[in-house]
Amino acid sequence: MSNLGFALDGAWRVLLAGLALGAGLPILFALGIRSLAWSAAGPAPRVAARVAGYGLFAIVLLGIALGITFIVATGFGKALSFEHIYPTIVAKKH
């Protein structure tokens, strides 16, 4: 693979991580707000939209909790492992 190929591969990964971690959570939060507003509009409440809104808020809170856990674990010299279904804090591998 040429140097240009390596550069484009790295740029693609950075862009994807930036969208997922940088803009992803605010977009999900905005969609949750929009879903709750749509659930309250009209004469009959839309239960599915309300459930979807609260589900999106739960995903945002989970992302925030994982970010704080990552920062705290790194501060204590540990690492956050995603080897299992749920994240765990493990000792860093040198």
C-alpha atoms as a PDB file:
ATOM      1  CA  MET A   1       0.000   0.000   0.000  1.00  0.00           C
ATOM      2  CA  SER A   2       1.314   3.425  -0.863  1.00  0.00           C
ATOM      3  CA  ASN A   3       1.756   6.349   1.489  1.00  0.00           C
ATOM      4  CA  LEU A   4      -1.353   7.992   0.096  1.00  0.00           C
ATOM      5  CA  GLY A   5      -3.335   4.854   0.872  1.00  0.00           C
ATOM      6  CA  PHE A   6      -2.073   4.837   4.464  1.00  0.00           C
ATOM      7  CA  ALA A   7      -2.913   8.539   4.833  1.00  0.00           C
ATOM      8  CA  LEU A   8      -6.440   8.100   3.482  1.00  0.00           C
ATOM      9  CA  ASP A   9      -7.014   5.071   5.690  1.00  0.00           C
ATOM     10  CA  GLY A  10      -5.912   7.028   8.761  1.00  0.00           C
ATOM     11  CA  ALA A  11      -7.980  10.058   7.782  1.00  0.00           C
ATOM     12  CA  TRP A  12     -11.073   7.885   7.343  1.00  0.00           C
ATOM     13  CA  ARG A  13     -10.629   6.378  10.816  1.00  0.00           C
ATOM     14  CA  VAL A  14     -10.147   9.805  12.426  1.00  0.00           C
ATOM     15  CA  LEU A  15     -13.229  11.140  10.645  1.00  0.00           C
ATOM     16  CA  LEU A  16     -15.324   8.191  11.760  1.00  0.00           C
ATOM     17  CA  ALA A  17     -14.142   8.468  15.378  1.00  0.00           C
ATOM     18  CA  GLY A  18     -14.762  12.222  15.346  1.00  0.00           C
ATOM     19  CA  LEU A  19     -18.303  11.761  14.086  1.00  0.00           C
ATOM     20  CA  ALA A  20     -19.087   8.987  16.551  1.00  0.00           C
ATOM     21  CA  LEU A  21     -17.524  10.560  19.626  1.00  0.00           C
ATOM     22  CA  GLY A  22     -17.610  14.265  18.829  1.00  0.00           C
ATOM     23  CA  ALA A  23     -20.863  14.874  17.016  1.00  0.00           C
ATOM     24  CA  GLY A  24     -22.659  11.590  17.618  1.00  0.00           C
ATOM     25  CA  LEU A  25     -23.839  12.182  21.168  1.00  0.00           C
ATOM     26  CA  PRO A  26     -25.160  15.723  20.549  1.00  0.00           C
ATOM     27  CA  ILE A  27     -27.015  14.451  17.473  1.00  0.00           C
ATOM     28  CA  LEU A  28     -28.608  11.650  19.516  1.00  0.00           C
ATOM     29  CA  PHE A  29     -29.555  14.139  22.234  1.00  0.00           C
ATOM     30  CA  ALA A  30     -31.157  16.446  19.656  1.00  0.00           C
ATOM     31  CA  LEU A  31     -33.074  13.532  18.166  1.00  0.00           C
ATOM     32  CA  GLY A  32     -34.293  12.635  21.659  1.00  0.00           C
ATOM     33  CA  ILE A  33     -35.548  16.176  22.233  1.00  0.00           C
ATOM     34  CA  ARG A  34     -37.211  16.147  18.831  1.00  0.00           C
ATOM     35  CA  SER A  35     -38.824  12.794  19.559  1.00  0.00           C
ATOM     36  CA  LEU A  36     -40.233  14.007  22.877  1.00  0.00           C
ATOM     37  CA  ALA A  37     -41.586  17.156  21.233  1.00  0.00           C
ATOM     38  CA  TRP A  38     -43.228  15.076  18.511  1.00  0.00           C
ATOM     39  CA  SER A  39     -44.734  12.724  21.095  1.00  0.00           C
ATOM     40  CA  ALA A  40     -46.490  15.626  22.818  1.00  0.00           C
ATOM     41  CA  ALA A  41     -47.796  17.256  19.629  1.00  0.00           C
ATOM     42  CA  GLY A  42     -51.349  16.601  18.584  1.00  0.00           C
ATOM     43  CA  PRO A  43     -54.445  15.502  20.443  1.00  0.00           C
ATOM     44  CA  ALA A  44     -53.260  11.951  21.206  1.00  0.00           C
ATOM     45  CA  PRO A  45     -49.876  11.261  22.812  1.00  0.00           C
ATOM     46  CA  ARG A  46     -47.487   9.133  20.786  1.00  0.00           C
ATOM     47  CA  VAL A  47     -46.082   6.556  23.186  1.00  0.00           C
ATOM     48  CA  ALA A  48     -43.573   5.079  20.718  1.00  0.00           C
ATOM     49  CA  ALA A  49     -41.969   8.484  20.142  1.00  0.00           C
ATOM     50  CA  ARG A  50     -41.694   9.076  23.884  1.00  0.00           C
ATOM     51  CA  VAL A  51     -40.082   5.656  24.413  1.00  0.00           C
ATOM     52  CA  ALA A  52     -37.675   6.359  21.533  1.00  0.00           C
ATOM     53  CA  GLY A  53     -36.770   9.738  23.041  1.00  0.00           C
ATOM     54  CA  TYR A  54     -36.010   8.284  26.449  1.00  0.00           C
ATOM     55  CA  GLY A  55     -34.068   5.454  24.782  1.00  0.00           C
ATOM     56  CA  LEU A  56     -31.904   8.000  22.981  1.00  0.00           C
ATOM     57  CA  PHE A  57     -31.316   9.830  26.261  1.00  0.00           C
ATOM     58  CA  ALA A  58     -30.239   6.530  27.836  1.00  0.00           C
ATOM     59  CA  ILE A  59     -27.713   5.987  25.044  1.00  0.00           C
ATOM     60  CA  VAL A  60     -26.328   9.503  25.570  1.00  0.00           C
ATOM     61  CA  LEU A  61     -26.023   8.934  29.334  1.00  0.00           C
ATOM     62  CA  LEU A  62     -24.283   5.609  28.692  1.00  0.00           C
ATOM     63  CA  GLY A  63     -21.793   7.323  26.389  1.00  0.00           C
ATOM     64  CA  ILE A  64     -21.100  10.004  28.985  1.00  0.00           C
ATOM     65  CA  ALA A  65     -20.662   7.385  31.721  1.00  0.00           C
ATOM     66  CA  LEU A  66     -18.242   5.402  29.555  1.00  0.00           C
ATOM     67  CA  GLY A  67     -16.242   8.552  28.798  1.00  0.00           C
ATOM     68  CA  ILE A  68     -15.964   9.468  32.487  1.00  0.00           C
ATOM     69  CA  THR A  69     -15.060   5.867  33.343  1.00  0.00           C
ATOM     70  CA  PHE A  70     -12.320   5.909  30.701  1.00  0.00           C
ATOM     71  CA  ILE A  71     -10.860   9.158  32.055  1.00  0.00           C
ATOM     72  CA  VAL A  72     -10.957   8.011  35.684  1.00  0.00           C
ATOM     73  CA  ALA A  73      -9.527   4.563  34.886  1.00  0.00           C
ATOM     74  CA  THR A  74      -6.659   6.144  32.946  1.00  0.00           C
ATOM     75  CA  GLY A  75      -5.957   8.468  35.873  1.00  0.00           C
ATOM     76  CA  PHE A  76      -5.597   5.489  38.197  1.00  0.00           C
ATOM     77  CA  GLY A  77      -3.261   3.682  35.790  1.00  0.00           C
ATOM     78  CA  LYS A  78      -5.918   1.250  34.585  1.00  0.00           C
ATOM     79  CA  ALA A  79      -7.527   0.662  31.200  1.00  0.00           C
ATOM     80  CA  LEU A  80     -11.074   0.192  29.985  1.00  0.00           C
ATOM     81  CA  SER A  81     -11.476  -3.156  28.242  1.00  0.00           C
ATOM     82  CA  PHE A  82     -14.250  -4.049  25.806  1.00  0.00           C
ATOM     83  CA  GLU A  83     -13.297  -7.733  25.490  1.00  0.00           C
ATOM     84  CA  HIS A  84     -16.592  -8.878  27.019  1.00  0.00           C
ATOM     85  CA  ILE A  85     -20.157  -7.798  26.375  1.00  0.00           C
ATOM     86  CA  TYR A  86     -19.864  -5.095  29.024  1.00  0.00           C
ATOM     87  CA  PRO A  87     -16.831  -2.821  29.607  1.00  0.00           C
ATOM     88  CA  THR A  88     -14.488  -3.672  32.474  1.00  0.00           C
ATOM     89  CA  ILE A  89     -11.602  -1.877  34.137  1.00  0.00           C
ATOM     90  CA  VAL A  90      -8.376  -3.890  33.881  1.00  0.00           C
ATOM     91  CA  ALA A  91      -4.691  -3.345  34.588  1.00  0.00           C
ATOM     92  CA  LYS A  92      -2.771  -1.727  31.719  1.00  0.00           C
ATOM     93  CA  LYS A  93      -0.691  -4.008  29.559  1.00  0.00           C
ATOM     94  CA  HIS A  94       2.819  -2.692  29.130  1.00  0.00           C
END
